[in-house]
N, C-alpha and C. Protein backbone atom coordinates (compact mmCIF):
# COMPACT_ATOMS: atom_id res chain seq x y z
N MET A 1 387.54 65.55 113.48
CA MET A 1 388.56 66.30 112.79
C MET A 1 388.77 67.62 113.52
N ILE A 2 390.05 67.95 113.72
CA ILE A 2 390.41 69.16 114.44
C ILE A 2 391.31 70.01 113.57
N TYR A 3 391.09 71.32 113.58
CA TYR A 3 391.97 72.27 112.91
C TYR A 3 392.81 72.96 113.97
N ILE A 4 394.13 72.93 113.78
CA ILE A 4 395.03 73.60 114.70
C ILE A 4 395.78 74.69 113.94
N ASP A 5 395.66 75.90 114.45
CA ASP A 5 396.36 77.07 113.93
C ASP A 5 397.68 77.16 114.68
N VAL A 6 398.80 77.02 113.98
CA VAL A 6 400.10 77.01 114.64
C VAL A 6 400.77 78.39 114.63
N ARG A 7 400.00 79.42 114.29
CA ARG A 7 400.53 80.79 114.32
C ARG A 7 400.57 81.31 115.76
N THR A 8 401.08 82.50 115.92
CA THR A 8 401.14 83.12 117.24
C THR A 8 399.74 83.46 117.74
N PRO A 9 399.57 83.63 119.05
CA PRO A 9 398.25 84.03 119.57
C PRO A 9 397.76 85.34 118.95
N GLU A 10 398.68 86.26 118.66
CA GLU A 10 398.29 87.54 118.05
C GLU A 10 397.74 87.33 116.64
N GLU A 11 398.41 86.47 115.87
CA GLU A 11 397.92 86.17 114.53
C GLU A 11 396.56 85.48 114.60
N PHE A 12 396.44 84.54 115.53
CA PHE A 12 395.18 83.81 115.72
C PHE A 12 394.05 84.77 116.05
N ALA A 13 394.33 85.74 116.93
CA ALA A 13 393.31 86.69 117.36
C ALA A 13 392.86 87.59 116.20
N SER A 14 393.71 87.78 115.20
CA SER A 14 393.35 88.65 114.08
C SER A 14 392.45 87.95 113.07
N GLY A 15 392.22 86.66 113.26
CA GLY A 15 391.34 85.90 112.39
C GLY A 15 391.83 84.48 112.25
N HIS A 16 390.91 83.53 112.28
CA HIS A 16 391.28 82.12 112.19
C HIS A 16 390.13 81.31 111.59
N TYR A 17 390.43 80.06 111.25
CA TYR A 17 389.43 79.16 110.70
C TYR A 17 388.39 78.85 111.77
N PRO A 18 387.12 78.75 111.40
CA PRO A 18 386.07 78.48 112.39
C PRO A 18 386.37 77.23 113.23
N ASN A 19 386.23 77.37 114.52
CA ASN A 19 386.40 76.31 115.51
C ASN A 19 387.84 75.79 115.64
N ALA A 20 388.80 76.46 115.01
CA ALA A 20 390.20 76.05 115.14
C ALA A 20 390.69 76.35 116.55
N ILE A 21 391.68 75.58 116.98
CA ILE A 21 392.34 75.87 118.24
C ILE A 21 393.72 76.41 117.93
N ASN A 22 394.24 77.23 118.80
CA ASN A 22 395.56 77.82 118.60
C ASN A 22 396.58 77.07 119.45
N HIS A 23 397.59 76.55 118.79
CA HIS A 23 398.70 75.88 119.46
C HIS A 23 399.96 76.23 118.68
N PRO A 24 400.63 77.32 119.05
CA PRO A 24 401.76 77.83 118.27
C PRO A 24 402.86 76.79 118.03
N VAL A 25 403.47 76.87 116.85
CA VAL A 25 404.54 75.95 116.48
C VAL A 25 405.69 76.01 117.48
N GLU A 26 405.92 77.15 118.10
CA GLU A 26 406.99 77.27 119.08
C GLU A 26 406.78 76.31 120.25
N LEU A 27 405.53 76.13 120.66
CA LEU A 27 405.24 75.18 121.74
C LEU A 27 405.51 73.75 121.28
N ILE A 28 405.11 73.44 120.07
CA ILE A 28 405.33 72.10 119.53
C ILE A 28 406.83 71.82 119.44
N MET A 29 407.61 72.82 119.04
CA MET A 29 409.06 72.66 118.93
C MET A 29 409.70 72.44 120.30
N GLN A 30 409.05 72.92 121.36
CA GLN A 30 409.53 72.72 122.73
C GLN A 30 409.04 71.38 123.30
N GLY A 31 408.27 70.64 122.51
CA GLY A 31 407.76 69.36 122.98
C GLY A 31 406.43 69.46 123.69
N ILE A 32 405.83 70.65 123.68
CA ILE A 32 404.52 70.84 124.30
C ILE A 32 403.48 70.59 123.22
N LEU A 33 402.87 69.42 123.25
CA LEU A 33 401.96 68.99 122.20
C LEU A 33 400.51 69.09 122.64
N PRO A 34 399.59 69.22 121.67
CA PRO A 34 398.17 69.24 122.03
C PRO A 34 397.79 67.95 122.74
N GLU A 35 396.91 68.05 123.70
CA GLU A 35 396.46 66.87 124.44
C GLU A 35 395.32 66.21 123.67
N LEU A 36 395.72 65.42 122.68
CA LEU A 36 394.78 64.73 121.81
C LEU A 36 395.23 63.29 121.65
N ALA A 37 394.28 62.42 121.33
CA ALA A 37 394.64 61.04 121.01
C ALA A 37 395.56 61.03 119.80
N LYS A 38 396.52 60.13 119.78
CA LYS A 38 397.53 60.09 118.72
C LYS A 38 396.94 59.82 117.34
N ASP A 39 395.73 59.24 117.28
CA ASP A 39 395.12 58.93 115.98
C ASP A 39 394.04 59.94 115.58
N THR A 40 393.91 61.04 116.32
CA THR A 40 392.95 62.08 115.98
C THR A 40 393.29 62.66 114.60
N GLU A 41 392.27 62.92 113.79
CA GLU A 41 392.49 63.56 112.50
C GLU A 41 392.76 65.05 112.75
N ILE A 42 393.99 65.46 112.47
CA ILE A 42 394.44 66.82 112.77
C ILE A 42 394.84 67.52 111.48
N ASN A 43 394.28 68.70 111.26
CA ASN A 43 394.64 69.54 110.13
C ASN A 43 395.36 70.78 110.67
N LEU A 44 396.58 70.96 110.23
CA LEU A 44 397.39 72.09 110.67
C LEU A 44 397.40 73.19 109.61
N TYR A 45 397.46 74.44 110.06
CA TYR A 45 397.64 75.54 109.12
C TYR A 45 398.34 76.69 109.82
N CYS A 46 398.88 77.59 109.01
CA CYS A 46 399.52 78.81 109.52
C CYS A 46 399.25 79.92 108.51
N ARG A 47 400.22 80.76 108.22
CA ARG A 47 400.03 81.81 107.22
C ARG A 47 400.32 81.30 105.82
N SER A 48 401.43 80.57 105.68
CA SER A 48 401.84 80.12 104.35
C SER A 48 401.92 78.60 104.21
N GLY A 49 401.94 77.89 105.32
CA GLY A 49 402.11 76.44 105.30
C GLY A 49 403.47 75.99 105.82
N ALA A 50 404.42 76.91 105.93
CA ALA A 50 405.78 76.55 106.38
C ALA A 50 405.79 76.09 107.84
N ARG A 51 405.22 76.88 108.72
CA ARG A 51 405.19 76.50 110.14
C ARG A 51 404.34 75.25 110.35
N ALA A 52 403.27 75.12 109.58
CA ALA A 52 402.43 73.92 109.67
C ALA A 52 403.23 72.69 109.27
N GLY A 53 404.12 72.82 108.30
CA GLY A 53 404.97 71.71 107.88
C GLY A 53 405.93 71.29 108.97
N ILE A 54 406.51 72.26 109.66
CA ILE A 54 407.40 71.96 110.78
C ILE A 54 406.62 71.26 111.88
N ALA A 55 405.45 71.80 112.21
CA ALA A 55 404.61 71.20 113.26
C ALA A 55 404.20 69.78 112.88
N GLN A 56 403.87 69.56 111.61
CA GLN A 56 403.48 68.23 111.15
C GLN A 56 404.61 67.23 111.38
N GLN A 57 405.81 67.58 110.98
CA GLN A 57 406.95 66.68 111.16
C GLN A 57 407.18 66.36 112.63
N MET A 58 407.12 67.38 113.47
CA MET A 58 407.38 67.18 114.90
C MET A 58 406.29 66.32 115.54
N MET A 59 405.04 66.54 115.15
CA MET A 59 403.95 65.76 115.71
C MET A 59 404.02 64.31 115.24
N GLN A 60 404.40 64.09 114.00
CA GLN A 60 404.55 62.72 113.51
C GLN A 60 405.69 62.02 114.24
N GLN A 61 406.77 62.73 114.49
CA GLN A 61 407.88 62.14 115.25
C GLN A 61 407.45 61.79 116.67
N ALA A 62 406.47 62.54 117.20
CA ALA A 62 405.97 62.28 118.55
C ALA A 62 404.90 61.19 118.57
N GLY A 63 404.57 60.62 117.40
CA GLY A 63 403.64 59.51 117.38
C GLY A 63 402.25 59.81 116.86
N PHE A 64 401.96 61.05 116.48
CA PHE A 64 400.65 61.36 115.90
C PHE A 64 400.60 60.76 114.50
N THR A 65 399.53 60.06 114.20
CA THR A 65 399.48 59.27 112.97
C THR A 65 398.59 59.83 111.87
N ASN A 66 397.83 60.88 112.16
CA ASN A 66 396.85 61.37 111.18
C ASN A 66 396.90 62.90 111.12
N VAL A 67 398.09 63.43 110.77
CA VAL A 67 398.32 64.87 110.77
C VAL A 67 398.54 65.34 109.33
N THR A 68 397.82 66.39 108.93
CA THR A 68 397.92 66.92 107.57
C THR A 68 398.25 68.40 107.61
N ASN A 69 399.16 68.83 106.75
CA ASN A 69 399.47 70.24 106.57
C ASN A 69 398.51 70.79 105.53
N LYS A 70 397.60 71.65 105.97
CA LYS A 70 396.61 72.24 105.06
C LYS A 70 397.08 73.56 104.46
N GLY A 71 398.33 73.95 104.74
CA GLY A 71 398.88 75.17 104.15
C GLY A 71 398.54 76.41 104.96
N GLY A 72 398.23 77.47 104.24
CA GLY A 72 397.92 78.73 104.88
C GLY A 72 396.44 78.93 105.12
N LEU A 73 396.11 79.87 105.97
CA LEU A 73 394.71 80.17 106.28
C LEU A 73 393.93 80.47 105.01
N SER A 74 394.54 81.19 104.08
CA SER A 74 393.85 81.53 102.84
C SER A 74 393.54 80.29 102.00
N ASP A 75 394.27 79.21 102.19
CA ASP A 75 394.00 77.96 101.46
C ASP A 75 392.74 77.27 101.97
N LEU A 76 392.30 77.61 103.17
CA LEU A 76 391.13 76.95 103.78
C LEU A 76 389.83 77.64 103.43
N THR A 77 389.91 78.89 103.01
CA THR A 77 388.67 79.65 102.79
C THR A 77 388.29 79.70 101.33
């Protein structure tokens, strides 16, 4: 299971979920996707869940099959 923070690098640097990786939603929107197997269990989050929702839709359209929007960072703690 992987946690991906889709916020900006600056937001990520100010605090993030333990062991999360940062892959901003802007990159996903440009078609630059994380280099992961399509069936990897991926949990996305941002500040409120909105950007994570956009990222989830785009990743599912790209063939990722196990992507969940976990909402905002505060929802994880």
